[in-house]
Each structure stands twice: as structure tokens, then as C-alpha cells.
Amino acid sequence: MILDAIENLGADQQEITVAAVVAEAQLSRSSFYSQFSELGDVAVQLVRETRSRVYEALEANPGSSAPRVAIRALIAEFDERRLLYRAVLGGSSSMQTARSICEVLIEWVYRDISRVSPAGGPALNTATFFAAGVFGVLTNWVLSEDPDSPEEIELQIFTLLPAWLDEVFGTD
């Protein structure tokens, strides 16, 4: 019900706050707080769910480029719930939420990068570099008053990725 309420508020271009979410969901604040400690926790959960869907998609299509599938899924997630991410990344609790989302992305990237990081490059630092960079671009995008299209953001991110990722993972 909480996620449905967020979807409805976003579709109506309404501000997304805990108060608005519980009103839309017709829940008490305690019901919300029994599942999440803050609105940012919802965003972190949604990024984790996106990661799970990407893993499933990659298992079903093993020839796909993992970085490209992941980035496309993240862009779609941030685009679909732009107002939620805008609220949590531009609000007072944004630092902890940003850190938590970035940690999820680092874990996600590390899973594959640890196998293919260039010689001499520590895998955790490489994963952190990519995850933080992509997350920074996505954060700027959702906070922008005049955002580029999802396709333009995808192109910008792919342009920034090193060629060796496609060499290792292949392209789709």
C-alpha cells in the first residue's frame, strides 16, 4: 500500500512526504514506521529490488552486458519514481539515504567488477568509483529543474564508462 501510494502521488505530481504517503495509503504513521524508519528507506529498498530484477534478467540473458542492463534499469527506476528520489536526495535526510543507496550500488557493481577489474586495480575501489559516479549523475538528474531525457542520461553515462567494461562483459 505504501508503494502504491508513492506511485499515485508521483503520477499526480504531488510532493512525496511520509505524511502524504500515509494519507494516500490511508494508513497510520505508525504503520509506515513499522516497515521503514524514514522515506529514504523506501528508496533504498526499491534500489535493492531493482538490483534483484537485473540479476534475474542477466541470468535469463547471459550474453547481455551487465553494466548496460544495470544502468538502464537504474535510469528507469529513478525516472519512474523521480519525485520520491527527488524528495529523499534533496531533503534533510539525504546524506544517510544517499550513502545507503550508494552502498547498495557498490555491492552490486563489486559482484561483477571483482572478477574483471584491470590488473593492479583494487576491485572495491573500482566498484566504488563506478557506483558513486553513476549515482552522482542520477542524483543530479532527479534534482534538476530541467532534466535531460532518460535516453540522454543513458548516453552520457555510457560515454563515461571505460571501454574495457564492454570488452569484458560484451555489449547488447
C-alpha atoms as a PDB file:
ATOM      1  CA  MET A   1       0.000   0.000   0.000  1.00  0.00           C
ATOM      2  CA  ILE A   2       2.913   2.328   0.720  1.00  0.00           C
ATOM      3  CA  LEU A   3       4.448   1.756  -2.697  1.00  0.00           C
ATOM      4  CA  ASP A   4       1.063   2.181  -4.378  1.00  0.00           C
ATOM      5  CA  ALA A   5       0.622   5.477  -2.543  1.00  0.00           C
ATOM      6  CA  ILE A   6       4.037   6.654  -3.725  1.00  0.00           C
ATOM      7  CA  GLU A   7       3.115   5.665  -7.281  1.00  0.00           C
ATOM      8  CA  ASN A   8      -0.179   7.579  -7.060  1.00  0.00           C
ATOM      9  CA  LEU A   9       1.433  10.690  -5.604  1.00  0.00           C
ATOM     10  CA  GLY A  10       4.123  10.599  -8.278  1.00  0.00           C
ATOM     11  CA  ALA A  11       1.588  10.161 -11.053  1.00  0.00           C
ATOM     12  CA  ASP A  12      -0.292  13.200  -9.747  1.00  0.00           C
ATOM     13  CA  GLN A  13       2.985  15.161  -9.439  1.00  0.00           C
ATOM     14  CA  GLN A  14       2.363  15.665  -5.714  1.00  0.00           C
ATOM     15  CA  GLU A  15       5.074  16.159  -3.139  1.00  0.00           C
ATOM     16  CA  ILE A  16       6.157  12.901  -1.581  1.00  0.00           C
ATOM     17  CA  THR A  17       6.432  13.023   2.185  1.00  0.00           C
ATOM     18  CA  VAL A  18       5.646  10.491   4.882  1.00  0.00           C
ATOM     19  CA  ALA A  19       2.500  12.466   5.726  1.00  0.00           C
ATOM     20  CA  ALA A  20       1.364  12.456   2.093  1.00  0.00           C
ATOM     21  CA  VAL A  21       2.158   8.759   1.670  1.00  0.00           C
ATOM     22  CA  VAL A  22       0.223   7.650   4.754  1.00  0.00           C
ATOM     23  CA  ALA A  23      -2.716   9.886   3.837  1.00  0.00           C
ATOM     24  CA  GLU A  24      -2.790   8.470   0.300  1.00  0.00           C
ATOM     25  CA  ALA A  25      -2.435   4.897   1.583  1.00  0.00           C
ATOM     26  CA  GLN A  26      -4.976   5.530   4.335  1.00  0.00           C
ATOM     27  CA  LEU A  27      -2.530   4.201   6.911  1.00  0.00           C
ATOM     28  CA  SER A  28      -1.380   5.488  10.245  1.00  0.00           C
ATOM     29  CA  ARG A  29       2.119   6.916  10.584  1.00  0.00           C
ATOM     30  CA  SER A  30       2.922   4.028  12.928  1.00  0.00           C
ATOM     31  CA  SER A  31       2.092   1.572  10.130  1.00  0.00           C
ATOM     32  CA  PHE A  32       4.597   3.329   7.885  1.00  0.00           C
ATOM     33  CA  TYR A  33       7.237   3.432  10.618  1.00  0.00           C
ATOM     34  CA  SER A  34       6.729  -0.245  11.432  1.00  0.00           C
ATOM     35  CA  GLN A  35       8.154  -1.020   7.981  1.00  0.00           C
ATOM     36  CA  PHE A  36      10.509   1.908   7.307  1.00  0.00           C
ATOM     37  CA  SER A  37      12.379   4.300   9.574  1.00  0.00           C
ATOM     38  CA  GLU A  38      12.120   7.102   7.008  1.00  0.00           C
ATOM     39  CA  LEU A  39      11.132   7.773   3.412  1.00  0.00           C
ATOM     40  CA  GLY A  40      14.724   7.197   2.329  1.00  0.00           C
ATOM     41  CA  ASP A  41      14.456   3.565   3.419  1.00  0.00           C
ATOM     42  CA  VAL A  42      11.738   3.092   0.799  1.00  0.00           C
ATOM     43  CA  ALA A  43      14.121   4.378  -1.883  1.00  0.00           C
ATOM     44  CA  VAL A  44      16.903   2.064  -0.698  1.00  0.00           C
ATOM     45  CA  GLN A  45      14.500  -0.895  -0.792  1.00  0.00           C
ATOM     46  CA  LEU A  46      13.434  -0.001  -4.326  1.00  0.00           C
ATOM     47  CA  VAL A  47      17.069   0.118  -5.488  1.00  0.00           C
ATOM     48  CA  ARG A  48      17.631  -3.302  -3.914  1.00  0.00           C
ATOM     49  CA  GLU A  49      14.568  -4.638  -5.741  1.00  0.00           C
ATOM     50  CA  THR A  50      15.875  -3.162  -8.990  1.00  0.00           C
ATOM     51  CA  ARG A  51      19.178  -4.933  -8.403  1.00  0.00           C
ATOM     52  CA  SER A  52      17.342  -8.238  -7.901  1.00  0.00           C
ATOM     53  CA  ARG A  53      15.387  -7.771 -11.144  1.00  0.00           C
ATOM     54  CA  VAL A  54      18.621  -7.062 -13.010  1.00  0.00           C
ATOM     55  CA  TYR A  55      20.237 -10.226 -11.644  1.00  0.00           C
ATOM     56  CA  GLU A  56      17.220 -12.217 -12.822  1.00  0.00           C
ATOM     57  CA  ALA A  57      17.332 -10.583 -16.260  1.00  0.00           C
ATOM     58  CA  LEU A  58      21.049 -11.314 -16.610  1.00  0.00           C
ATOM     59  CA  GLU A  59      20.557 -14.945 -15.633  1.00  0.00           C
ATOM     60  CA  ALA A  60      17.830 -15.236 -18.268  1.00  0.00           C
ATOM     61  CA  ASN A  61      20.026 -13.496 -20.908  1.00  0.00           C
ATOM     62  CA  PRO A  62      23.640 -14.407 -20.096  1.00  0.00           C
ATOM     63  CA  GLY A  63      25.032 -12.685 -23.212  1.00  0.00           C
ATOM     64  CA  SER A  64      23.828  -9.251 -22.112  1.00  0.00           C
ATOM     65  CA  SER A  65      26.202  -6.557 -20.926  1.00  0.00           C
ATOM     66  CA  ALA A  66      25.810  -6.446 -17.137  1.00  0.00           C
ATOM     67  CA  PRO A  67      26.795  -2.772 -16.800  1.00  0.00           C
ATOM     68  CA  ARG A  68      24.413  -1.686 -19.554  1.00  0.00           C
ATOM     69  CA  VAL A  69      21.472  -3.708 -18.255  1.00  0.00           C
ATOM     70  CA  ALA A  70      22.093  -2.398 -14.735  1.00  0.00           C
ATOM     71  CA  ILE A  71      22.384   1.239 -15.777  1.00  0.00           C
ATOM     72  CA  ARG A  72      19.269   1.060 -17.926  1.00  0.00           C
ATOM     73  CA  ALA A  73      17.350  -0.452 -15.022  1.00  0.00           C
ATOM     74  CA  LEU A  74      18.585   2.234 -12.620  1.00  0.00           C
ATOM     75  CA  ILE A  75      17.667   5.012 -15.010  1.00  0.00           C
ATOM     76  CA  ALA A  76      14.201   3.514 -15.454  1.00  0.00           C
ATOM     77  CA  GLU A  77      13.766   3.202 -11.673  1.00  0.00           C
ATOM     78  CA  PHE A  78      14.888   6.782 -10.971  1.00  0.00           C
ATOM     79  CA  ASP A  79      12.757   8.078 -13.831  1.00  0.00           C
ATOM     80  CA  GLU A  80       9.632   6.183 -12.773  1.00  0.00           C
ATOM     81  CA  ARG A  81       9.878   7.392  -9.170  1.00  0.00           C
ATOM     82  CA  ARG A  82      11.617  10.717  -9.819  1.00  0.00           C
ATOM     83  CA  LEU A  83       9.609  12.575  -7.155  1.00  0.00           C
ATOM     84  CA  LEU A  84      10.469  10.019  -4.477  1.00  0.00           C
ATOM     85  CA  TYR A  85      14.192  10.166  -5.259  1.00  0.00           C
ATOM     86  CA  ARG A  86      13.986  13.953  -5.518  1.00  0.00           C
ATOM     87  CA  ALA A  87      12.391  14.094  -2.067  1.00  0.00           C
ATOM     88  CA  VAL A  88      14.872  11.799  -0.367  1.00  0.00           C
ATOM     89  CA  LEU A  89      18.029  13.000  -2.122  1.00  0.00           C
ATOM     90  CA  GLY A  90      17.206  16.680  -1.850  1.00  0.00           C
ATOM     91  CA  GLY A  91      15.802  16.636   1.671  1.00  0.00           C
ATOM     92  CA  SER A  92      17.228  16.842   5.159  1.00  0.00           C
ATOM     93  CA  SER A  93      17.808  13.087   5.458  1.00  0.00           C
ATOM     94  CA  SER A  94      19.516  12.934   2.094  1.00  0.00           C
ATOM     95  CA  MET A  95      23.038  12.210   3.329  1.00  0.00           C
ATOM     96  CA  GLN A  96      22.193   8.897   5.010  1.00  0.00           C
ATOM     97  CA  THR A  97      19.857   7.877   2.186  1.00  0.00           C
ATOM     98  CA  ALA A  98      22.478   8.718  -0.440  1.00  0.00           C
ATOM     99  CA  ARG A  99      25.095   6.738   1.464  1.00  0.00           C
ATOM    100  CA  SER A 100      22.758   3.740   1.789  1.00  0.00           C
ATOM    101  CA  ILE A 101      21.795   3.764  -1.891  1.00  0.00           C
ATOM    102  CA  CYS A 102      25.434   4.134  -2.900  1.00  0.00           C
ATOM    103  CA  GLU A 103      26.378   1.171  -0.676  1.00  0.00           C
ATOM    104  CA  VAL A 104      23.752  -0.964  -2.449  1.00  0.00           C
ATOM    105  CA  LEU A 105      25.195   0.119  -5.810  1.00  0.00           C
ATOM    106  CA  ILE A 106      28.763  -0.602  -4.679  1.00  0.00           C
ATOM    107  CA  GLU A 107      27.765  -4.126  -3.607  1.00  0.00           C
ATOM    108  CA  TRP A 108      26.004  -4.532  -6.947  1.00  0.00           C
ATOM    109  CA  VAL A 109      28.993  -3.400  -9.011  1.00  0.00           C
ATOM    110  CA  TYR A 110      31.507  -5.259  -6.850  1.00  0.00           C
ATOM    111  CA  ARG A 111      29.826  -8.584  -7.607  1.00  0.00           C
ATOM    112  CA  ASP A 112      30.987  -8.414 -11.230  1.00  0.00           C
ATOM    113  CA  ILE A 113      33.890  -5.985 -11.100  1.00  0.00           C
ATOM    114  CA  SER A 114      35.858  -8.162  -8.675  1.00  0.00           C
ATOM    115  CA  ARG A 115      36.206 -10.712 -11.491  1.00  0.00           C
ATOM    116  CA  VAL A 116      37.332  -8.281 -14.165  1.00  0.00           C
ATOM    117  CA  SER A 117      38.998  -5.247 -12.580  1.00  0.00           C
ATOM    118  CA  PRO A 118      42.138  -4.330 -14.543  1.00  0.00           C
ATOM    119  CA  ALA A 119      45.407  -5.651 -13.159  1.00  0.00           C
ATOM    120  CA  GLY A 120      46.598  -3.537 -10.268  1.00  0.00           C
ATOM    121  CA  GLY A 121      43.170  -2.030  -9.616  1.00  0.00           C
ATOM    122  CA  PRO A 122      41.622  -2.914  -6.274  1.00  0.00           C
ATOM    123  CA  ALA A 123      38.149  -4.241  -7.000  1.00  0.00           C
ATOM    124  CA  LEU A 124      36.400  -2.474  -4.111  1.00  0.00           C
ATOM    125  CA  ASN A 125      37.806   0.910  -5.104  1.00  0.00           C
ATOM    126  CA  THR A 126      36.916   0.275  -8.736  1.00  0.00           C
ATOM    127  CA  ALA A 127      33.350  -0.671  -7.754  1.00  0.00           C
ATOM    128  CA  THR A 128      33.090   2.390  -5.508  1.00  0.00           C
ATOM    129  CA  PHE A 129      34.342   4.661  -8.286  1.00  0.00           C
ATOM    130  CA  PHE A 130      31.770   3.410 -10.805  1.00  0.00           C
ATOM    131  CA  ALA A 131      28.851   3.192  -8.364  1.00  0.00           C
ATOM    132  CA  ALA A 132      29.442   6.646  -6.889  1.00  0.00           C
ATOM    133  CA  GLY A 133      29.873   8.186 -10.340  1.00  0.00           C
ATOM    134  CA  VAL A 134      26.685   6.701 -11.774  1.00  0.00           C
ATOM    135  CA  PHE A 135      24.791   7.548  -8.596  1.00  0.00           C
ATOM    136  CA  GLY A 136      26.066  11.128  -8.742  1.00  0.00           C
ATOM    137  CA  VAL A 137      24.836  11.531 -12.311  1.00  0.00           C
ATOM    138  CA  LEU A 138      21.434  10.050 -11.402  1.00  0.00           C
ATOM    139  CA  THR A 139      21.151  12.280  -8.331  1.00  0.00           C
ATOM    140  CA  ASN A 140      21.927  15.419 -10.340  1.00  0.00           C
ATOM    141  CA  TRP A 141      19.395  14.266 -12.911  1.00  0.00           C
ATOM    142  CA  VAL A 142      16.477  13.768 -10.494  1.00  0.00           C
ATOM    143  CA  LEU A 143      17.242  17.038  -8.711  1.00  0.00           C
ATOM    144  CA  SER A 144      17.465  19.023 -11.953  1.00  0.00           C
ATOM    145  CA  GLU A 145      14.767  21.568 -12.688  1.00  0.00           C
ATOM    146  CA  ASP A 146      15.221  20.876 -16.411  1.00  0.00           C
ATOM    147  CA  PRO A 147      16.230  17.197 -16.622  1.00  0.00           C
ATOM    148  CA  ASP A 148      17.548  15.526 -19.736  1.00  0.00           C
ATOM    149  CA  SER A 149      15.580  12.609 -21.137  1.00  0.00           C
ATOM    150  CA  PRO A 150      16.311   9.115 -19.804  1.00  0.00           C
ATOM    151  CA  GLU A 151      17.880   8.293 -23.182  1.00  0.00           C
ATOM    152  CA  GLU A 152      20.227  11.287 -22.910  1.00  0.00           C
ATOM    153  CA  ILE A 153      21.277  10.339 -19.381  1.00  0.00           C
ATOM    154  CA  GLU A 154      21.909   6.773 -20.550  1.00  0.00           C
ATOM    155  CA  LEU A 155      24.101   8.048 -23.382  1.00  0.00           C
ATOM    156  CA  GLN A 156      26.005  10.344 -21.034  1.00  0.00           C
ATOM    157  CA  ILE A 157      26.710   7.533 -18.558  1.00  0.00           C
ATOM    158  CA  PHE A 158      27.684   5.038 -21.254  1.00  0.00           C
ATOM    159  CA  THR A 159      30.048   7.603 -22.759  1.00  0.00           C
ATOM    160  CA  LEU A 160      31.804   7.906 -19.405  1.00  0.00           C
ATOM    161  CA  LEU A 161      32.252   4.167 -18.874  1.00  0.00           C
ATOM    162  CA  PRO A 162      35.638   2.733 -19.804  1.00  0.00           C
ATOM    163  CA  ALA A 163      35.917   0.615 -22.941  1.00  0.00           C
ATOM    164  CA  TRP A 164      37.272  -2.378 -21.038  1.00  0.00           C
ATOM    165  CA  LEU A 165      33.842  -2.930 -19.433  1.00  0.00           C
ATOM    166  CA  ASP A 166      32.273  -3.684 -22.802  1.00  0.00           C
ATOM    167  CA  GLU A 167      35.275  -5.800 -23.757  1.00  0.00           C
ATOM    168  CA  VAL A 168      34.808  -7.921 -20.667  1.00  0.00           C
ATOM    169  CA  PHE A 169      31.027  -8.038 -20.424  1.00  0.00           C
ATOM    170  CA  GLY A 170      30.115  -7.683 -24.093  1.00  0.00           C
ATOM    171  CA  THR A 171      27.528  -5.311 -25.492  1.00  0.00           C
ATOM    172  CA  ASP A 172      23.822  -5.638 -26.116  1.00  0.00           C
END
